[in-house]
PDB file of N, CA and C in Angstrom:
ATOM      1  N   MET A   1      99.855 121.059 110.706  1.00  0.00           N
ATOM      2  CA  MET A   1     100.926 120.671 111.569  1.00  0.00           C
ATOM      3  C   MET A   1     101.914 119.778 110.856  1.00  0.00           C
ATOM      4  N   ASN A   2     101.484 119.062 109.834  1.00  0.00           N
ATOM      5  CA  ASN A   2     102.358 118.051 109.281  1.00  0.00           C
ATOM      6  C   ASN A   2     101.943 117.764 107.851  1.00  0.00           C
ATOM      7  N   VAL A   3     102.900 117.417 107.032  1.00  0.00           N
ATOM      8  CA  VAL A   3     102.615 117.028 105.661  1.00  0.00           C
ATOM      9  C   VAL A   3     103.710 116.069 105.209  1.00  0.00           C
ATOM     10  N   SER A   4     103.338 115.157 104.359  1.00  0.00           N
ATOM     11  CA  SER A   4     104.327 114.286 103.745  1.00  0.00           C
ATOM     12  C   SER A   4     103.861 113.991 102.329  1.00  0.00           C
ATOM     13  N   GLY A   5     104.777 113.535 101.514  1.00  0.00           N
ATOM     14  CA  GLY A   5     104.412 113.246 100.136  1.00  0.00           C
ATOM     15  C   GLY A   5     105.568 112.574  99.419  1.00  0.00           C
ATOM     16  N   ARG A   6     105.328 112.260  98.179  1.00  0.00           N
ATOM     17  CA  ARG A   6     106.379 111.660  97.361  1.00  0.00           C
ATOM     18  C   ARG A   6     107.410 112.723  97.018  1.00  0.00           C
ATOM     19  N   LYS A   7     108.661 112.339  97.071  1.00  0.00           N
ATOM     20  CA  LYS A   7     109.751 113.287  96.842  1.00  0.00           C
ATOM     21  C   LYS A   7     109.588 114.015  95.507  1.00  0.00           C
ATOM     22  N   GLN A   8     109.292 113.305  94.453  1.00  0.00           N
ATOM     23  CA  GLN A   8     109.200 113.940  93.137  1.00  0.00           C
ATOM     24  C   GLN A   8     108.049 114.934  93.075  1.00  0.00           C
ATOM     25  N   ASP A   9     106.931 114.626  93.738  1.00  0.00           N
ATOM     26  CA  ASP A   9     105.809 115.568  93.772  1.00  0.00           C
ATOM     27  C   ASP A   9     106.203 116.854  94.484  1.00  0.00           C
ATOM     28  N   VAL A  10     106.909 116.726  95.598  1.00  0.00           N
ATOM     29  CA  VAL A  10     107.362 117.902  96.357  1.00  0.00           C
ATOM     30  C   VAL A  10     108.352 118.712  95.525  1.00  0.00           C
ATOM     31  N   LEU A  11     109.260 118.044  94.831  1.00  0.00           N
ATOM     32  CA  LEU A  11     110.208 118.751  93.959  1.00  0.00           C
ATOM     33  C   LEU A  11     109.476 119.445  92.813  1.00  0.00           C
ATOM     34  N   ASN A  12     108.439 118.809  92.280  1.00  0.00           N
ATOM     35  CA  ASN A  12     107.700 119.398  91.161  1.00  0.00           C
ATOM     36  C   ASN A  12     107.033 120.724  91.527  1.00  0.00           C
ATOM     37  N   VAL A  13     106.651 120.897  92.787  1.00  0.00           N
ATOM     38  CA  VAL A  13     106.021 122.162  93.215  1.00  0.00           C
ATOM     39  C   VAL A  13     107.042 123.085  93.885  1.00  0.00           C
ATOM     40  N   ASN A  14     108.309 122.682  93.889  1.00  0.00           N
ATOM     41  CA  ASN A  14     109.429 123.455  94.417  1.00  0.00           C
ATOM     42  C   ASN A  14     109.422 123.574  95.936  1.00  0.00           C
ATOM     43  N   GLY A  15     108.883 122.583  96.611  1.00  0.00           N
ATOM     44  CA  GLY A  15     108.942 122.535  98.071  1.00  0.00           C
ATOM     45  C   GLY A  15     108.111 123.593  98.760  1.00  0.00           C
ATOM     46  N   PHE A  16     108.459 123.859 100.018  1.00  0.00           N
ATOM     47  CA  PHE A  16     107.742 124.859 100.803  1.00  0.00           C
ATOM     48  C   PHE A  16     108.040 126.258 100.288  1.00  0.00           C
ATOM     49  N   ASP A  17     107.077 127.162 100.410  1.00  0.00           N
ATOM     50  CA  ASP A  17     107.279 128.572 100.099  1.00  0.00           C
ATOM     51  C   ASP A  17     108.018 129.189 101.283  1.00  0.00           C
ATOM     52  N   GLU A  18     109.275 129.542 101.077  1.00  0.00           N
ATOM     53  CA  GLU A  18     110.122 129.995 102.172  1.00  0.00           C
ATOM     54  C   GLU A  18     109.823 131.412 102.647  1.00  0.00           C
ATOM     55  N   ARG A  19     108.871 132.089 102.014  1.00  0.00           N
ATOM     56  CA  ARG A  19     108.451 133.407 102.522  1.00  0.00           C
ATOM     57  C   ARG A  19     107.563 133.259 103.743  1.00  0.00           C
ATOM     58  N   MET A  20     106.955 132.112 103.892  1.00  0.00           N
ATOM     59  CA  MET A  20     105.997 131.922 104.978  1.00  0.00           C
ATOM     60  C   MET A  20     106.729 131.900 106.314  1.00  0.00           C
ATOM     61  N   LEU A  21     106.179 132.628 107.277  1.00  0.00           N
ATOM     62  CA  LEU A  21     106.851 132.815 108.554  1.00  0.00           C
ATOM     63  C   LEU A  21     106.295 131.949 109.669  1.00  0.00           C
ATOM     64  N   TYR A  22     105.003 131.807 109.739  1.00  0.00           N
ATOM     65  CA  TYR A  22     104.397 131.034 110.816  1.00  0.00           C
ATOM     66  C   TYR A  22     103.038 130.551 110.362  1.00  0.00           C
ATOM     67  N   ARG A  23     102.766 129.288 110.540  1.00  0.00           N
ATOM     68  CA  ARG A  23     101.452 128.700 110.340  1.00  0.00           C
ATOM     69  C   ARG A  23     101.039 128.606 108.875  1.00  0.00           C
ATOM     70  N   GLY A  24     100.662 127.441 108.481  1.00  0.00           N
ATOM     71  CA  GLY A  24     100.059 127.244 107.176  1.00  0.00           C
ATOM     72  C   GLY A  24     100.983 126.768 106.076  1.00  0.00           C
ATOM     73  N   GLU A  25     102.287 126.594 106.379  1.00  0.00           N
ATOM     74  CA  GLU A  25     103.210 126.155 105.336  1.00  0.00           C
ATOM     75  C   GLU A  25     102.783 124.821 104.740  1.00  0.00           C
ATOM     76  N   ASP A  26     102.324 123.916 105.597  1.00  0.00           N
ATOM     77  CA  ASP A  26     101.905 122.594 105.129  1.00  0.00           C
ATOM     78  C   ASP A  26     100.648 122.682 104.278  1.00  0.00           C
ATOM     79  N   ARG A  27      99.740 123.572 104.630  1.00  0.00           N
ATOM     80  CA  ARG A  27      98.508 123.711 103.849  1.00  0.00           C
ATOM     81  C   ARG A  27      98.782 124.350 102.497  1.00  0.00           C
ATOM     82  N   GLU A  28      99.698 125.309 102.451  1.00  0.00           N
ATOM     83  CA  GLU A  28     100.000 125.997 101.198  1.00  0.00           C
ATOM     84  C   GLU A  28     100.647 125.050 100.198  1.00  0.00           C
ATOM     85  N   ILE A  29     101.629 124.246 100.629  1.00  0.00           N
ATOM     86  CA  ILE A  29     102.240 123.284  99.704  1.00  0.00           C
ATOM     87  C   ILE A  29     101.185 122.251  99.280  1.00  0.00           C
ATOM     88  N   GLY A  30     100.304 121.890 100.195  1.00  0.00           N
ATOM     89  CA  GLY A  30      99.224 120.958  99.860  1.00  0.00           C
ATOM     90  C   GLY A  30      98.300 121.517  98.797  1.00  0.00           C
ATOM     91  N   GLU A  31      98.030 122.806  98.863  1.00  0.00           N
ATOM     92  CA  GLU A  31      97.169 123.440  97.856  1.00  0.00           C
ATOM     93  C   GLU A  31      97.830 123.420  96.487  1.00  0.00           C
ATOM     94  N   ARG A  32      99.151 123.658  96.449  1.00  0.00           N
ATOM     95  CA  ARG A  32      99.850 123.576  95.161  1.00  0.00           C
ATOM     96  C   ARG A  32      99.861 122.146  94.624  1.00  0.00           C
ATOM     97  N   LEU A  33     100.047 121.178  95.509  1.00  0.00           N
ATOM     98  CA  LEU A  33     100.002 119.777  95.074  1.00  0.00           C
ATOM     99  C   LEU A  33      98.615 119.424  94.534  1.00  0.00           C
ATOM    100  N   MET A  34      97.573 119.894  95.197  1.00  0.00           N
ATOM    101  CA  MET A  34      96.207 119.648  94.700  1.00  0.00           C
ATOM    102  C   MET A  34      96.004 120.305  93.343  1.00  0.00           C
ATOM    103  N   ASN A  35      96.562 121.508  93.158  1.00  0.00           N
ATOM    104  CA  ASN A  35      96.454 122.182  91.858  1.00  0.00           C
ATOM    105  C   ASN A  35      97.132 121.389  90.756  1.00  0.00           C
ATOM    106  N   CYS A  36      98.061 120.506  91.132  1.00  0.00           N
ATOM    107  CA  CYS A  36      98.730 119.619  90.167  1.00  0.00           C
ATOM    108  C   CYS A  36      97.983 118.299  89.983  1.00  0.00           C
ATOM    109  N   GLY A  37      96.870 118.139  90.691  1.00  0.00           N
ATOM    110  CA  GLY A  37      96.083 116.919  90.552  1.00  0.00           C
ATOM    111  C   GLY A  37      96.458 115.802  91.504  1.00  0.00           C
ATOM    112  N   ILE A  38      97.286 116.095  92.487  1.00  0.00           N
ATOM    113  CA  ILE A  38      97.693 115.074  93.461  1.00  0.00           C
ATOM    114  C   ILE A  38      96.525 114.812  94.411  1.00  0.00           C
ATOM    115  N   LYS A  39      96.202 113.554  94.606  1.00  0.00           N
ATOM    116  CA  LYS A  39      95.140 113.150  95.530  1.00  0.00           C
ATOM    117  C   LYS A  39      95.722 112.990  96.931  1.00  0.00           C
ATOM    118  N   PHE A  40      94.933 113.340  97.926  1.00  0.00           N
ATOM    119  CA  PHE A  40      95.388 113.288  99.304  1.00  0.00           C
ATOM    120  C   PHE A  40      94.681 112.215 100.099  1.00  0.00           C
ATOM    121  N   LYS A  41      95.356 111.777 101.122  1.00  0.00           N
ATOM    122  CA  LYS A  41      94.774 110.851 102.080  1.00  0.00           C
ATOM    123  C   LYS A  41      94.864 111.510 103.447  1.00  0.00           C
ATOM    124  N   GLN A  42      93.740 111.806 104.042  1.00  0.00           N
ATOM    125  CA  GLN A  42      93.684 112.421 105.364  1.00  0.00           C
ATOM    126  C   GLN A  42      93.826 111.328 106.416  1.00  0.00           C
ATOM    127  N   ILE A  43      94.825 111.445 107.275  1.00  0.00           N
ATOM    128  CA  ILE A  43      95.024 110.408 108.296  1.00  0.00           C
ATOM    129  C   ILE A  43      94.911 110.978 109.702  1.00  0.00           C
ATOM    130  N   ARG A  44      94.317 112.141 109.821  1.00  0.00           N
ATOM    131  CA  ARG A  44      94.134 112.742 111.145  1.00  0.00           C
ATOM    132  C   ARG A  44      93.415 111.765 112.064  1.00  0.00           C
ATOM    133  N   TYR A  45      93.895 111.660 113.258  1.00  0.00           N
ATOM    134  CA  TYR A  45      93.375 110.756 114.286  1.00  0.00           C
ATOM    135  C   TYR A  45      93.627 109.279 113.977  1.00  0.00           C
ATOM    136  N   SER A  46      94.348 108.987 112.893  1.00  0.00           N
ATOM    137  CA  SER A  46      94.634 107.599 112.542  1.00  0.00           C
ATOM    138  C   SER A  46      96.117 107.274 112.593  1.00  0.00           C
ATOM    139  N   ALA A  47      96.942 108.289 112.794  1.00  0.00           N
ATOM    140  CA  ALA A  47      98.386 108.083 112.828  1.00  0.00           C
ATOM    141  C   ALA A  47      98.956 108.666 114.121  1.00  0.00           C
ATOM    142  N   ILE A  48     100.010 108.077 114.571  1.00  0.00           N
ATOM    143  CA  ILE A  48     100.668 108.579 115.772  1.00  0.00           C
ATOM    144  C   ILE A  48     101.511 109.798 115.397  1.00  0.00           C
ATOM    145  N   CYS A  49     101.375 110.841 116.168  1.00  0.00           N
ATOM    146  CA  CYS A  49     102.122 112.064 115.923  1.00  0.00           C
ATOM    147  C   CYS A  49     102.555 112.629 117.263  1.00  0.00           C
ATOM    148  N   VAL A  50     103.777 113.093 117.333  1.00  0.00           N
ATOM    149  CA  VAL A  50     104.287 113.701 118.556  1.00  0.00           C
ATOM    150  C   VAL A  50     104.658 115.148 118.237  1.00  0.00           C
ATOM    151  N   HIS A  51     104.185 116.049 119.060  1.00  0.00           N
ATOM    152  CA  HIS A  51     104.534 117.461 118.900  1.00  0.00           C
ATOM    153  C   HIS A  51     105.223 117.931 120.167  1.00  0.00           C
ATOM    154  N   LEU A  52     106.410 118.477 120.013  1.00  0.00           N
ATOM    155  CA  LEU A  52     107.150 118.993 121.150  1.00  0.00           C
ATOM    156  C   LEU A  52     106.725 120.431 121.407  1.00  0.00           C
ATOM    157  N   HIS A  53     106.334 120.712 122.640  1.00  0.00           N
ATOM    158  CA  HIS A  53     105.947 122.074 122.967  1.00  0.00           C
ATOM    159  C   HIS A  53     107.163 122.999 122.871  1.00  0.00           C
ATOM    160  N   HIS A  54     106.969 124.172 122.295  1.00  0.00           N
ATOM    161  CA  HIS A  54     108.036 125.152 122.195  1.00  0.00           C
ATOM    162  C   HIS A  54     107.421 126.536 122.096  1.00  0.00           C
ATOM    163  N   ASP A  55     108.169 127.523 122.538  1.00  0.00           N
ATOM    164  CA  ASP A  55     107.703 128.898 122.412  1.00  0.00           C
ATOM    165  C   ASP A  55     107.672 129.277 120.945  1.00  0.00           C
ATOM    166  N   ARG A  56     106.869 130.274 120.624  1.00  0.00           N
ATOM    167  CA  ARG A  56     106.739 130.736 119.245  1.00  0.00           C
ATOM    168  C   ARG A  56     106.964 132.253 119.178  1.00  0.00           C
ATOM    169  N   PRO A  57     108.209 132.693 119.375  1.00  0.00           N
ATOM    170  CA  PRO A  57     108.454 134.135 119.344  1.00  0.00           C
ATOM    171  C   PRO A  57     108.217 134.737 117.960  1.00  0.00           C
ATOM    172  N   TYR A  58     108.202 133.898 116.942  1.00  0.00           N
ATOM    173  CA  TYR A  58     107.994 134.348 115.569  1.00  0.00           C
ATOM    174  C   TYR A  58     106.519 134.531 115.232  1.00  0.00           C
ATOM    175  N   LYS A  59     105.611 134.143 116.130  1.00  0.00           N
ATOM    176  CA  LYS A  59     104.176 134.265 115.878  1.00  0.00           C
ATOM    177  C   LYS A  59     103.746 135.697 116.167  1.00  0.00           C
ATOM    178  N   ASN A  60     103.267 136.375 115.130  1.00  0.00           N
ATOM    179  CA  ASN A  60     102.763 137.730 115.294  1.00  0.00           C
ATOM    180  C   ASN A  60     101.758 138.027 114.189  1.00  0.00           C
ATOM    181  N   ASP A  61     101.021 139.096 114.331  1.00  0.00           N
ATOM    182  CA  ASP A  61      99.966 139.431 113.373  1.00  0.00           C
ATOM    183  C   ASP A  61     100.508 139.651 111.967  1.00  0.00           C
ATOM    184  N   GLU A  62     101.681 140.266 111.858  1.00  0.00           N
ATOM    185  CA  GLU A  62     102.273 140.514 110.544  1.00  0.00           C
ATOM    186  C   GLU A  62     102.575 139.204 109.818  1.00  0.00           C
ATOM    187  N   ALA A  63     103.144 138.234 110.530  1.00  0.00           N
ATOM    188  CA  ALA A  63     103.465 136.931 109.936  1.00  0.00           C
ATOM    189  C   ALA A  63     102.195 136.206 109.509  1.00  0.00           C
ATOM    190  N   ILE A  64     101.170 136.262 110.346  1.00  0.00           N
ATOM    191  CA  ILE A  64      99.909 135.587 110.024  1.00  0.00           C
ATOM    192  C   ILE A  64      99.275 136.203 108.787  1.00  0.00           C
ATOM    193  N   LYS A  65      99.276 137.539 108.687  1.00  0.00           N
ATOM    194  CA  LYS A  65      98.694 138.227 107.519  1.00  0.00           C
ATOM    195  C   LYS A  65      99.456 137.889 106.242  1.00  0.00           C
ATOM    196  N   LEU A  66     100.793 137.847 106.332  1.00  0.00           N
ATOM    197  CA  LEU A  66     101.603 137.490 105.162  1.00  0.00           C
ATOM    198  C   LEU A  66     101.254 136.086 104.690  1.00  0.00           C
ATOM    199  N   ASN A  67     101.210 135.140 105.604  1.00  0.00           N
ATOM    200  CA  ASN A  67     100.901 133.756 105.232  1.00  0.00           C
ATOM    201  C   ASN A  67      99.508 133.625 104.638  1.00  0.00           C
ATOM    202  N   GLN A  68      98.536 134.336 105.204  1.00  0.00           N
ATOM    203  CA  GLN A  68      97.179 134.295 104.664  1.00  0.00           C
ATOM    204  C   GLN A  68      97.153 134.845 103.240  1.00  0.00           C
ATOM    205  N   ALA A  69      97.920 135.910 102.978  1.00  0.00           N
ATOM    206  CA  ALA A  69      97.977 136.487 101.635  1.00  0.00           C
ATOM    207  C   ALA A  69      98.610 135.512 100.642  1.00  0.00           C
ATOM    208  N   ILE A  70      99.672 134.825 101.061  1.00  0.00           N
ATOM    209  CA  ILE A  70     100.331 133.841 100.187  1.00  0.00           C
ATOM    210  C   ILE A  70      99.361 132.707  99.868  1.00  0.00           C
ATOM    211  N   ARG A  71      98.669 132.194 100.885  1.00  0.00           N
ATOM    212  CA  ARG A  71      97.720 131.094 100.664  1.00  0.00           C
ATOM    213  C   ARG A  71      96.567 131.533  99.774  1.00  0.00           C
ATOM    214  N   LYS A  72      96.073 132.746  99.976  1.00  0.00           N
ATOM    215  CA  LYS A  72      94.968 133.245  99.148  1.00  0.00           C
ATOM    216  C   LYS A  72      95.406 133.345  97.684  1.00  0.00           C
ATOM    217  N   ALA A  73      96.621 133.851  97.443  1.00  0.00           N
ATOM    218  CA  ALA A  73      97.134 133.947  96.068  1.00  0.00           C
ATOM    219  C   ALA A  73      97.287 132.564  95.448  1.00  0.00           C
ATOM    220  N   THR A  74      97.770 131.609  96.222  1.00  0.00           N
ATOM    221  CA  THR A  74      97.928 130.238  95.714  1.00  0.00           C
ATOM    222  C   THR A  74      96.585 129.661  95.302  1.00  0.00           C
ATOM    223  N   LYS A  75      95.574 129.855  96.141  1.00  0.00           N
ATOM    224  CA  LYS A  75      94.233 129.329  95.826  1.00  0.00           C
ATOM    225  C   LYS A  75      93.616 130.061  94.644  1.00  0.00           C
ATOM    226  N   THR A  76      93.626 131.390  94.693  1.00  0.00           N
ATOM    227  CA  THR A  76      92.978 132.205  93.660  1.00  0.00           C
ATOM    228  C   THR A  76      93.593 131.975  92.287  1.00  0.00           C
ATOM    229  N   ASN A  77      94.919 131.960  92.235  1.00  0.00           N
ATOM    230  CA  ASN A  77      95.640 131.835  90.961  1.00  0.00           C
ATOM    231  C   ASN A  77      95.965 130.402  90.586  1.00  0.00           C
ATOM    232  N   LYS A  78      95.580 129.455  91.460  1.00  0.00           N
ATOM    233  CA  LYS A  78      95.822 128.034  91.222  1.00  0.00           C
ATOM    234  C   LYS A  78      97.303 127.755  90.908  1.00  0.00           C
ATOM    235  N   TYR A  79      98.182 128.374  91.716  1.00  0.00           N
ATOM    236  CA  TYR A  79      99.615 128.165  91.530  1.00  0.00           C
ATOM    237  C   TYR A  79      99.964 126.705  91.736  1.00  0.00           C
ATOM    238  N   LYS A  80     100.897 126.219  90.898  1.00  0.00           N
ATOM    239  CA  LYS A  80     101.385 124.851  91.012  1.00  0.00           C
ATOM    240  C   LYS A  80     102.830 124.812  91.490  1.00  0.00           C
ATOM    241  N   ILE A  81     103.477 125.944  91.499  1.00  0.00           N
ATOM    242  CA  ILE A  81     104.884 126.017  91.891  1.00  0.00           C
ATOM    243  C   ILE A  81     105.110 127.351  92.601  1.00  0.00           C
ATOM    244  N   THR A  82     106.065 127.369  93.508  1.00  0.00           N
ATOM    245  CA  THR A  82     106.462 128.623  94.140  1.00  0.00           C
ATOM    246  C   THR A  82     107.814 129.049  93.594  1.00  0.00           C
ATOM    247  N   LYS A  83     108.006 130.337  93.469  1.00  0.00           N
ATOM    248  CA  LYS A  83     109.314 130.878  93.067  1.00  0.00           C
ATOM    249  C   LYS A  83     110.242 131.003  94.266  1.00  0.00           C
ATOM    250  N   PHE A  84     109.721 130.709  95.454  1.00  0.00           N
ATOM    251  CA  PHE A  84     110.458 130.942  96.692  1.00  0.00           C
ATOM    252  C   PHE A  84     110.667 129.647  97.456  1.00  0.00           C
ATOM    253  N   GLY A  85     111.000 128.569  96.750  1.00  0.00           N
ATOM    254  CA  GLY A  85     111.166 127.276  97.375  1.00  0.00           C
ATOM    255  C   GLY A  85     112.584 126.762  97.278  1.00  0.00           C
ATOM    256  N   ILE A  86     112.705 125.507  96.915  1.00  0.00           N
ATOM    257  CA  ILE A  86     114.018 124.854  96.826  1.00  0.00           C
ATOM    258  C   ILE A  86     114.906 125.598  95.820  1.00  0.00           C
ATOM    259  N   LYS A  87     114.364 125.861  94.646  1.00  0.00           N
ATOM    260  CA  LYS A  87     115.061 126.663  93.635  1.00  0.00           C
ATOM    261  C   LYS A  87     114.493 128.074  93.709  1.00  0.00           C
ATOM    262  N   LYS A  88     115.339 129.078  93.606  1.00  0.00           N
ATOM    263  CA  LYS A  88     114.907 130.462  93.669  1.00  0.00           C
ATOM    264  C   LYS A  88     114.802 131.005  92.245  1.00  0.00           C
ATOM    265  N   TYR A  89     113.677 131.625  91.936  1.00  0.00           N
ATOM    266  CA  TYR A  89     113.447 132.228  90.616  1.00  0.00           C
ATOM    267  C   TYR A  89     113.194 133.712  90.780  1.00  0.00           C
ATOM    268  N   LYS A  90     113.533 134.480  89.765  1.00  0.00           N
ATOM    269  CA  LYS A  90     113.255 135.926  89.784  1.00  0.00           C
ATOM    270  C   LYS A  90     111.988 136.224  89.061  1.00  0.00           C
TER     271      LYS A  90
END
């Protein structure tokens, strides 16, 4: 649901993978940061967070499968950067 980090660390992994359509964007960037050796601090249930309810017309099986494939590739190949983030690479 949420992720934060140091600006330079996020820039080093090229930000979020913009191919992702629904669910898991925060986990995927986190996996790339971990592949770079960044240590995490889990603050679930320790920080105040507000989530505004909204419809999710973009949520569908195709989007979920795409995101799962991207995350699996990131984990399997230990990617540290995405070609589909802040800077676009061919």
